C-alpha atoms as a PDB file:
ATOM      1  CA  MET A   1      81.691  89.039 164.922  1.00  0.00           C
ATOM      2  CA  ALA A   2      80.141  92.307 163.684  1.00  0.00           C
ATOM      3  CA  THR A   3      81.015  94.020 166.959  1.00  0.00           C
ATOM      4  CA  LYS A   4      84.608  92.864 166.707  1.00  0.00           C
ATOM      5  CA  MET A   5      84.894  94.183 163.152  1.00  0.00           C
ATOM      6  CA  ARG A   6      83.549  97.607 164.213  1.00  0.00           C
ATOM      7  CA  ASN A   7      86.097  97.748 167.037  1.00  0.00           C
ATOM      8  CA  ASN A   8      88.917  96.910 164.649  1.00  0.00           C
ATOM      9  CA  ARG A   9      88.096  99.811 162.343  1.00  0.00           C
ATOM     10  CA  GLU A  10      90.623 102.598 162.256  1.00  0.00           C
ATOM     11  CA  THR A  11      89.731 105.814 164.017  1.00  0.00           C
ATOM     12  CA  SER A  12      89.461 108.718 161.595  1.00  0.00           C
ATOM     13  CA  PRO A  13      91.689 111.674 162.481  1.00  0.00           C
ATOM     14  CA  PHE A  14      89.887 114.805 163.548  1.00  0.00           C
ATOM     15  CA  PRO A  15      89.203 116.844 160.364  1.00  0.00           C
ATOM     16  CA  TRP A  16      90.700 120.128 161.480  1.00  0.00           C
ATOM     17  CA  TRP A  17      90.662 121.664 158.010  1.00  0.00           C
ATOM     18  CA  TYR A  18      86.902 121.221 157.711  1.00  0.00           C
ATOM     19  CA  CYS A  19      86.494 122.666 161.170  1.00  0.00           C
ATOM     20  CA  ILE A  20      88.473 125.757 160.151  1.00  0.00           C
ATOM     21  CA  LEU A  21      86.567 126.021 156.869  1.00  0.00           C
ATOM     22  CA  ASN A  22      83.280 125.952 158.767  1.00  0.00           C
ATOM     23  CA  GLY A  23      84.422 128.805 161.005  1.00  0.00           C
ATOM     24  CA  LEU A  24      85.553 130.831 157.993  1.00  0.00           C
ATOM     25  CA  LEU A  25      82.202 130.355 156.267  1.00  0.00           C
ATOM     26  CA  ILE A  26      80.324 131.518 159.372  1.00  0.00           C
ATOM     27  CA  TYR A  27      82.426 134.677 159.452  1.00  0.00           C
ATOM     28  CA  LEU A  28      81.904 135.315 155.718  1.00  0.00           C
ATOM     29  CA  VAL A  29      78.134 134.945 156.082  1.00  0.00           C
ATOM     30  CA  TRP A  30      78.126 137.437 158.958  1.00  0.00           C
ATOM     31  CA  TRP A  31      80.321 139.883 157.020  1.00  0.00           C
ATOM     32  CA  ALA A  32      78.150 139.554 153.907  1.00  0.00           C
ATOM     33  CA  GLY A  33      75.042 140.243 155.984  1.00  0.00           C
ATOM     34  CA  LEU A  34      76.518 143.510 157.262  1.00  0.00           C
ATOM     35  CA  LYS A  35      77.415 144.532 153.713  1.00  0.00           C
ATOM     36  CA  VAL A  36      73.920 143.751 152.479  1.00  0.00           C
ATOM     37  CA  ASP A  37      72.541 146.010 155.196  1.00  0.00           C
ATOM     38  CA  THR A  38      74.822 148.843 154.051  1.00  0.00           C
ATOM     39  CA  VAL A  39      74.778 148.446 150.270  1.00  0.00           C
ATOM     40  CA  LEU A  40      71.159 147.470 149.599  1.00  0.00           C
ATOM     41  CA  TYR A  41      69.412 149.437 152.329  1.00  0.00           C
ATOM     42  CA  GLY A  42      71.834 152.304 152.938  1.00  0.00           C
ATOM     43  CA  ASN A  43      72.029 151.628 156.660  1.00  0.00           C
ATOM     44  CA  THR A  44      75.268 152.423 158.422  1.00  0.00           C
ATOM     45  CA  ASP A  45      76.245 151.093 161.822  1.00  0.00           C
ATOM     46  CA  ASP A  46      78.712 152.239 164.428  1.00  0.00           C
ATOM     47  CA  TYR A  47      82.336 151.590 163.471  1.00  0.00           C
ATOM     48  CA  ILE A  48      83.274 150.806 167.072  1.00  0.00           C
ATOM     49  CA  LEU A  49      80.241 148.840 168.180  1.00  0.00           C
ATOM     50  CA  VAL A  50      80.081 146.565 165.115  1.00  0.00           C
ATOM     51  CA  PRO A  51      83.627 145.117 165.526  1.00  0.00           C
ATOM     52  CA  VAL A  52      82.985 144.480 169.226  1.00  0.00           C
ATOM     53  CA  ILE A  53      79.685 142.726 168.520  1.00  0.00           C
ATOM     54  CA  THR A  54      81.311 140.781 165.681  1.00  0.00           C
ATOM     55  CA  VAL A  55      84.031 139.423 167.970  1.00  0.00           C
ATOM     56  CA  ILE A  56      81.494 138.369 170.606  1.00  0.00           C
ATOM     57  CA  VAL A  57      79.165 136.747 168.075  1.00  0.00           C
ATOM     58  CA  MET A  58      82.005 134.954 166.317  1.00  0.00           C
ATOM     59  CA  ILE A  59      83.355 133.514 169.580  1.00  0.00           C
ATOM     60  CA  VAL A  60      79.910 132.195 170.549  1.00  0.00           C
ATOM     61  CA  LEU A  61      79.192 130.746 167.096  1.00  0.00           C
ATOM     62  CA  TRP A  62      82.630 129.188 166.694  1.00  0.00           C
ATOM     63  CA  PHE A  63      82.441 127.616 170.145  1.00  0.00           C
ATOM     64  CA  ALA A  64      78.937 126.230 169.499  1.00  0.00           C
ATOM     65  CA  SER A  65      79.893 124.810 166.091  1.00  0.00           C
ATOM     66  CA  PHE A  66      83.134 123.352 167.451  1.00  0.00           C
ATOM     67  CA  LEU A  67      81.225 121.660 170.289  1.00  0.00           C
ATOM     68  CA  PHE A  68      78.834 120.179 167.735  1.00  0.00           C
ATOM     69  CA  GLN A  69      81.757 118.904 165.660  1.00  0.00           C
ATOM     70  CA  ILE A  70      83.460 117.333 168.686  1.00  0.00           C
ATOM     71  CA  ILE A  71      80.283 115.450 169.602  1.00  0.00           C
ATOM     72  CA  VAL A  72      79.794 114.271 166.012  1.00  0.00           C
ATOM     73  CA  TYR A  73      83.410 113.171 165.808  1.00  0.00           C
ATOM     74  CA  LEU A  74      83.286 111.196 169.062  1.00  0.00           C
ATOM     75  CA  ILE A  75      80.168 109.359 167.882  1.00  0.00           C
ATOM     76  CA  LEU A  76      81.216 108.650 164.285  1.00  0.00           C
ATOM     77  CA  ARG A  77      85.023 108.552 164.343  1.00  0.00           C
ATOM     78  CA  ARG A  78      85.061 104.749 163.851  1.00  0.00           C
ATOM     79  CA  ARG A  79      82.160 104.640 161.434  1.00  0.00           C
ATOM     80  CA  LEU A  80      83.053 107.257 158.845  1.00  0.00           C
ATOM     81  CA  GLN A  81      86.237 106.957 156.823  1.00  0.00           C
ATOM     82  CA  ARG A  82      85.517 109.064 153.754  1.00  0.00           C
ATOM     83  CA  GLN A  83      86.700 112.664 153.925  1.00  0.00           C
ATOM     84  CA  PHE A  84      83.678 113.809 151.950  1.00  0.00           C
ATOM     85  CA  ASP A  85      81.366 112.562 154.703  1.00  0.00           C
ATOM     86  CA  TRP A  86      83.254 114.560 157.308  1.00  0.00           C
ATOM     87  CA  LEU A  87      83.132 117.618 155.068  1.00  0.00           C
ATOM     88  CA  LEU A  88      79.340 117.440 154.863  1.00  0.00           C
ATOM     89  CA  LEU A  89      78.930 116.928 158.607  1.00  0.00           C
ATOM     90  CA  PHE A  90      81.354 119.655 159.627  1.00  0.00           C
ATOM     91  CA  ILE A  91      79.792 122.229 157.302  1.00  0.00           C
ATOM     92  CA  ILE A  92      76.334 121.714 158.811  1.00  0.00           C
ATOM     93  CA  PRO A  93      76.745 124.562 161.385  1.00  0.00           C
ATOM     94  CA  ALA A  94      77.758 127.038 158.674  1.00  0.00           C
ATOM     95  CA  THR A  95      74.898 125.911 156.438  1.00  0.00           C
ATOM     96  CA  ALA A  96      72.346 126.233 159.239  1.00  0.00           C
ATOM     97  CA  PHE A  97      73.731 129.645 160.199  1.00  0.00           C
ATOM     98  CA  THR A  98      73.516 130.800 156.574  1.00  0.00           C
ATOM     99  CA  ILE A  99      69.830 129.873 156.356  1.00  0.00           C
ATOM    100  CA  VAL A 100      68.838 131.328 159.730  1.00  0.00           C
ATOM    101  CA  PHE A 101      70.951 134.475 159.496  1.00  0.00           C
ATOM    102  CA  GLY A 102      69.965 135.012 155.860  1.00  0.00           C
ATOM    103  CA  LYS A 103      66.293 135.092 156.778  1.00  0.00           C
ATOM    104  CA  GLN A 104      66.990 137.384 159.707  1.00  0.00           C
ATOM    105  CA  ILE A 105      69.016 139.791 157.553  1.00  0.00           C
ATOM    106  CA  HIS A 106      66.261 139.835 154.939  1.00  0.00           C
ATOM    107  CA  HIS A 107      63.784 140.901 157.609  1.00  0.00           C
ATOM    108  CA  GLN A 108      65.740 142.957 160.126  1.00  0.00           C
ATOM    109  CA  CYS A 109      67.759 144.974 157.610  1.00  0.00           C
ATOM    110  CA  GLN A 110      64.721 146.354 155.834  1.00  0.00           C
ATOM    111  CA  PRO A 111      64.522 150.098 156.566  1.00  0.00           C
ATOM    112  CA  SER A 112      60.853 149.935 157.592  1.00  0.00           C
ATOM    113  CA  VAL A 113      61.645 147.343 160.269  1.00  0.00           C
ATOM    114  CA  LYS A 114      64.560 149.339 161.666  1.00  0.00           C
ATOM    115  CA  ALA A 115      62.528 152.539 161.533  1.00  0.00           C
ATOM    116  CA  THR A 116      59.723 150.904 163.518  1.00  0.00           C
ATOM    117  CA  SER A 117      62.236 149.890 166.169  1.00  0.00           C
ATOM    118  CA  ILE A 118      63.520 153.455 166.456  1.00  0.00           C
ATOM    119  CA  LEU A 119      60.061 155.022 166.585  1.00  0.00           C
ATOM    120  CA  SER A 120      58.728 152.605 169.185  1.00  0.00           C
ATOM    121  CA  SER A 121      61.599 153.429 171.543  1.00  0.00           C
ATOM    122  CA  ARG A 122      60.047 156.880 172.143  1.00  0.00           C
ATOM    123  CA  ASP A 123      56.299 156.198 171.829  1.00  0.00           C
ATOM    124  CA  LEU A 124      56.121 157.655 168.347  1.00  0.00           C
ATOM    125  CA  ALA A 125      53.507 156.550 165.832  1.00  0.00           C
ATOM    126  CA  LYS A 126      54.122 153.933 163.170  1.00  0.00           C
ATOM    127  CA  LEU A 127      55.405 154.905 159.758  1.00  0.00           C
ATOM    128  CA  PRO A 128      52.638 156.363 157.584  1.00  0.00           C
ATOM    129  CA  GLN A 129      51.306 154.230 154.737  1.00  0.00           C
ATOM    130  CA  SER A 130      52.650 156.692 152.166  1.00  0.00           C
ATOM    131  CA  THR A 131      56.170 156.547 153.579  1.00  0.00           C
ATOM    132  CA  SER A 132      59.026 156.567 151.093  1.00  0.00           C
ATOM    133  CA  GLU A 133      62.726 157.442 150.912  1.00  0.00           C
ATOM    134  CA  ILE A 134      63.558 155.908 154.290  1.00  0.00           C
ATOM    135  CA  LYS A 135      67.115 156.423 155.517  1.00  0.00           C
ATOM    136  CA  ILE A 136      68.585 155.104 158.763  1.00  0.00           C
ATOM    137  CA  TRP A 137      71.915 155.568 160.494  1.00  0.00           C
ATOM    138  CA  ARG A 138      72.471 153.942 163.886  1.00  0.00           C
ATOM    139  CA  THR A 139      75.468 154.171 166.179  1.00  0.00           C
ATOM    140  CA  GLN A 140      76.150 153.178 169.749  1.00  0.00           C
ATOM    141  CA  PHE A 141      74.838 156.507 171.059  1.00  0.00           C
ATOM    142  CA  HIS A 142      72.716 157.974 168.252  1.00  0.00           C
ATOM    143  CA  ASP A 143      69.849 156.991 165.964  1.00  0.00           C
ATOM    144  CA  TYR A 144      69.019 158.975 162.835  1.00  0.00           C
ATOM    145  CA  LEU A 145      65.940 158.469 160.685  1.00  0.00           C
ATOM    146  CA  ARG A 146      64.517 160.175 157.624  1.00  0.00           C
ATOM    147  CA  PHE A 147      61.342 159.498 155.666  1.00  0.00           C
ATOM    148  CA  GLN A 148      58.931 161.232 153.330  1.00  0.00           C
ATOM    149  CA  ALA A 149      55.123 161.007 153.299  1.00  0.00           C
ATOM    150  CA  THR A 150      52.061 162.944 152.220  1.00  0.00           C
ATOM    151  CA  PRO A 151      51.214 166.076 154.252  1.00  0.00           C
ATOM    152  CA  GLU A 152      48.044 164.432 155.572  1.00  0.00           C
ATOM    153  CA  ASP A 153      49.910 161.313 156.706  1.00  0.00           C
ATOM    154  CA  ILE A 154      52.588 163.406 158.388  1.00  0.00           C
ATOM    155  CA  GLU A 155      49.941 165.289 160.349  1.00  0.00           C
ATOM    156  CA  ASP A 156      48.362 161.999 161.409  1.00  0.00           C
ATOM    157  CA  PHE A 157      51.802 160.743 162.432  1.00  0.00           C
ATOM    158  CA  LEU A 158      52.371 163.804 164.599  1.00  0.00           C
ATOM    159  CA  ASN A 159      48.925 163.609 166.183  1.00  0.00           C
ATOM    160  CA  ASP A 160      49.276 159.882 166.939  1.00  0.00           C
ATOM    161  CA  SER A 161      52.751 160.241 168.478  1.00  0.00           C
ATOM    162  CA  SER A 162      52.036 160.465 172.197  1.00  0.00           C
ATOM    163  CA  TYR A 163      55.656 161.356 172.956  1.00  0.00           C
ATOM    164  CA  LEU A 164      55.289 164.678 171.114  1.00  0.00           C
ATOM    165  CA  HIS A 165      52.485 165.702 173.469  1.00  0.00           C
ATOM    166  CA  ASN A 166      54.737 165.365 176.493  1.00  0.00           C
ATOM    167  CA  LYS A 167      55.016 168.660 178.362  1.00  0.00           C
ATOM    168  CA  HIS A 168      58.804 168.469 178.190  1.00  0.00           C
ATOM    169  CA  VAL A 169      58.807 168.446 174.377  1.00  0.00           C
ATOM    170  CA  ILE A 170      58.993 171.926 172.857  1.00  0.00           C
ATOM    171  CA  CYS A 171      57.544 172.667 169.414  1.00  0.00           C
ATOM    172  CA  GLU A 172      58.947 175.580 167.401  1.00  0.00           C
ATOM    173  CA  ALA A 173      57.613 176.731 164.026  1.00  0.00           C
ATOM    174  CA  TYR A 174      59.773 178.220 161.267  1.00  0.00           C
ATOM    175  CA  SER A 175      58.986 180.328 158.204  1.00  0.00           C
ATOM    176  CA  PRO A 176      60.788 182.582 155.693  1.00  0.00           C
ATOM    177  CA  THR A 177      60.825 185.332 158.327  1.00  0.00           C
ATOM    178  CA  ARG A 178      62.116 183.007 161.039  1.00  0.00           C
ATOM    179  CA  ARG A 179      64.401 180.445 159.499  1.00  0.00           C
ATOM    180  CA  ARG A 180      66.358 177.638 161.062  1.00  0.00           C
ATOM    181  CA  LEU A 181      69.861 177.659 159.640  1.00  0.00           C
ATOM    182  CA  VAL A 182      72.500 174.998 160.150  1.00  0.00           C
ATOM    183  CA  GLY A 183      76.233 175.384 159.930  1.00  0.00           C
ATOM    184  CA  PRO A 184      79.598 174.724 161.577  1.00  0.00           C
ATOM    185  CA  LYS A 185      79.863 175.207 165.302  1.00  0.00           C
ATOM    186  CA  GLY A 186      80.844 178.688 166.373  1.00  0.00           C
ATOM    187  CA  GLN A 187      80.231 180.227 162.942  1.00  0.00           C
ATOM    188  CA  LYS A 188      77.309 182.286 161.721  1.00  0.00           C
ATOM    189  CA  PRO A 189      76.691 183.396 158.139  1.00  0.00           C
ATOM    190  CA  GLU A 190      78.056 186.856 157.478  1.00  0.00           C
ATOM    191  CA  HIS A 191      75.351 187.680 154.951  1.00  0.00           C
ATOM    192  CA  GLY A 192      71.676 186.817 154.669  1.00  0.00           C
ATOM    193  CA  PHE A 193      71.152 186.323 158.402  1.00  0.00           C
ATOM    194  CA  ASN A 194      67.830 187.849 159.481  1.00  0.00           C
ATOM    195  CA  GLU A 195      67.038 189.080 162.953  1.00  0.00           C
ATOM    196  CA  GLY A 196      64.473 186.331 163.581  1.00  0.00           C
ATOM    197  CA  ASP A 197      66.616 183.478 162.268  1.00  0.00           C
ATOM    198  CA  ILE A 198      67.860 180.695 164.520  1.00  0.00           C
ATOM    199  CA  TYR A 199      71.348 179.325 163.908  1.00  0.00           C
ATOM    200  CA  VAL A 200      72.081 175.786 165.104  1.00  0.00           C
ATOM    201  CA  THR A 201      74.789 173.164 164.713  1.00  0.00           C
ATOM    202  CA  LEU A 202      74.221 169.480 164.146  1.00  0.00           C
ATOM    203  CA  ASN A 203      75.946 166.661 165.970  1.00  0.00           C
ATOM    204  CA  HIS A 204      79.211 165.803 164.234  1.00  0.00           C
ATOM    205  CA  ASN A 205      77.981 162.200 163.906  1.00  0.00           C
ATOM    206  CA  ALA A 206      74.984 163.224 161.796  1.00  0.00           C
ATOM    207  CA  PRO A 207      74.875 161.628 158.306  1.00  0.00           C
ATOM    208  CA  ASN A 208      74.986 163.937 155.290  1.00  0.00           C
ATOM    209  CA  TRP A 209      71.313 163.269 154.468  1.00  0.00           C
ATOM    210  CA  TYR A 210      70.142 164.616 157.831  1.00  0.00           C
ATOM    211  CA  GLU A 211      69.024 168.143 156.948  1.00  0.00           C
ATOM    212  CA  GLY A 212      68.357 170.325 159.955  1.00  0.00           C
ATOM    213  CA  SER A 213      67.695 173.595 158.153  1.00  0.00           C
ATOM    214  CA  LEU A 214      64.196 175.032 157.604  1.00  0.00           C
ATOM    215  CA  GLU A 215      64.255 178.062 155.337  1.00  0.00           C
ATOM    216  CA  GLU A 216      60.594 178.139 154.341  1.00  0.00           C
ATOM    217  CA  SER A 217      58.105 176.264 156.527  1.00  0.00           C
ATOM    218  CA  GLY A 218      58.487 173.550 159.106  1.00  0.00           C
ATOM    219  CA  ARG A 219      58.442 172.562 162.747  1.00  0.00           C
ATOM    220  CA  VAL A 220      60.907 171.173 165.248  1.00  0.00           C
ATOM    221  CA  TYR A 221      59.919 169.077 168.266  1.00  0.00           C
ATOM    222  CA  SER A 222      62.769 168.814 170.736  1.00  0.00           C
ATOM    223  CA  GLU A 223      63.930 168.064 174.220  1.00  0.00           C
ATOM    224  CA  TYR A 224      67.226 166.827 175.617  1.00  0.00           C
ATOM    225  CA  GLY A 225      68.416 163.923 173.463  1.00  0.00           C
ATOM    226  CA  PHE A 226      65.459 164.163 171.088  1.00  0.00           C
ATOM    227  CA  GLU A 227      64.847 166.120 167.902  1.00  0.00           C
ATOM    228  CA  LEU A 228      62.119 165.651 165.299  1.00  0.00           C
ATOM    229  CA  ILE A 229      62.149 167.985 162.304  1.00  0.00           C
ATOM    230  CA  VAL A 230      59.223 168.333 159.920  1.00  0.00           C
ATOM    231  CA  ASN A 231      60.028 170.063 156.635  1.00  0.00           C
ATOM    232  CA  ASP A 232      56.631 171.131 155.306  1.00  0.00           C
ATOM    233  CA  LYS A 233      58.045 172.151 151.940  1.00  0.00           C
ATOM    234  CA  THR A 234      59.529 168.756 151.073  1.00  0.00           C
ATOM    235  CA  ASN A 235      57.161 166.715 153.295  1.00  0.00           C
ATOM    236  CA  THR A 236      60.137 165.109 154.981  1.00  0.00           C
ATOM    237  CA  VAL A 237      60.540 164.046 158.603  1.00  0.00           C
ATOM    238  CA  PHE A 238      63.941 163.837 160.295  1.00  0.00           C
ATOM    239  CA  LEU A 239      64.472 162.212 163.680  1.00  0.00           C
ATOM    240  CA  HIS A 240      67.520 162.169 165.931  1.00  0.00           C
ATOM    241  CA  LEU A 241      67.632 160.222 169.200  1.00  0.00           C
ATOM    242  CA  GLU A 242      70.434 160.064 171.727  1.00  0.00           C
ATOM    243  CA  HIS A 243      70.758 156.972 173.923  1.00  0.00           C
END
């Protein structure tokens, strides 16, 4: 008798609106995560790469959540009649994604974590304990990093960075008599340019906080696709990597 009654129950229509709402929530969580990375931590990502990754991630997540909803519907379509029950079940993927992605954003978007990832890609030492004022800007082809630390910690950082001791890496020192000046490509300052000064141009993708000039004291470690600037006056380290 009980089996017959279950078979006679009406089949609930597929709750398309809840399915669409779930997909919208997943997208909003992803979008909010990117904004948190930019607003709270000052990190900026590539304007071309991010949309491409977003499309790929959204397709995968939407497909996975839709597959989950189809399975749930096929199992419970004769058992659940209340719309509220379907709402709760169909929002489960978005809820789970919010929890998992929220934790990941909280960890991965912290500047120290991103900086560690950049430094480890070239066998550079870990961030010094006194590190402060971290800034990061990553694109598809370039990574930029800035941090400040005590002079002693910066020296330890340089000594512990095995990549800097590579024979292909050149170290140049700068001082008031031999300055490193930065400006637009193809233009040199008409006044105040000393004979020993070096005039360079930065990559047009460089963020505005990436200061390549050294007018008092500092060093530059460089090779093709790699530049590490140490400003000894401000105790600031700047790093630029090309992929």
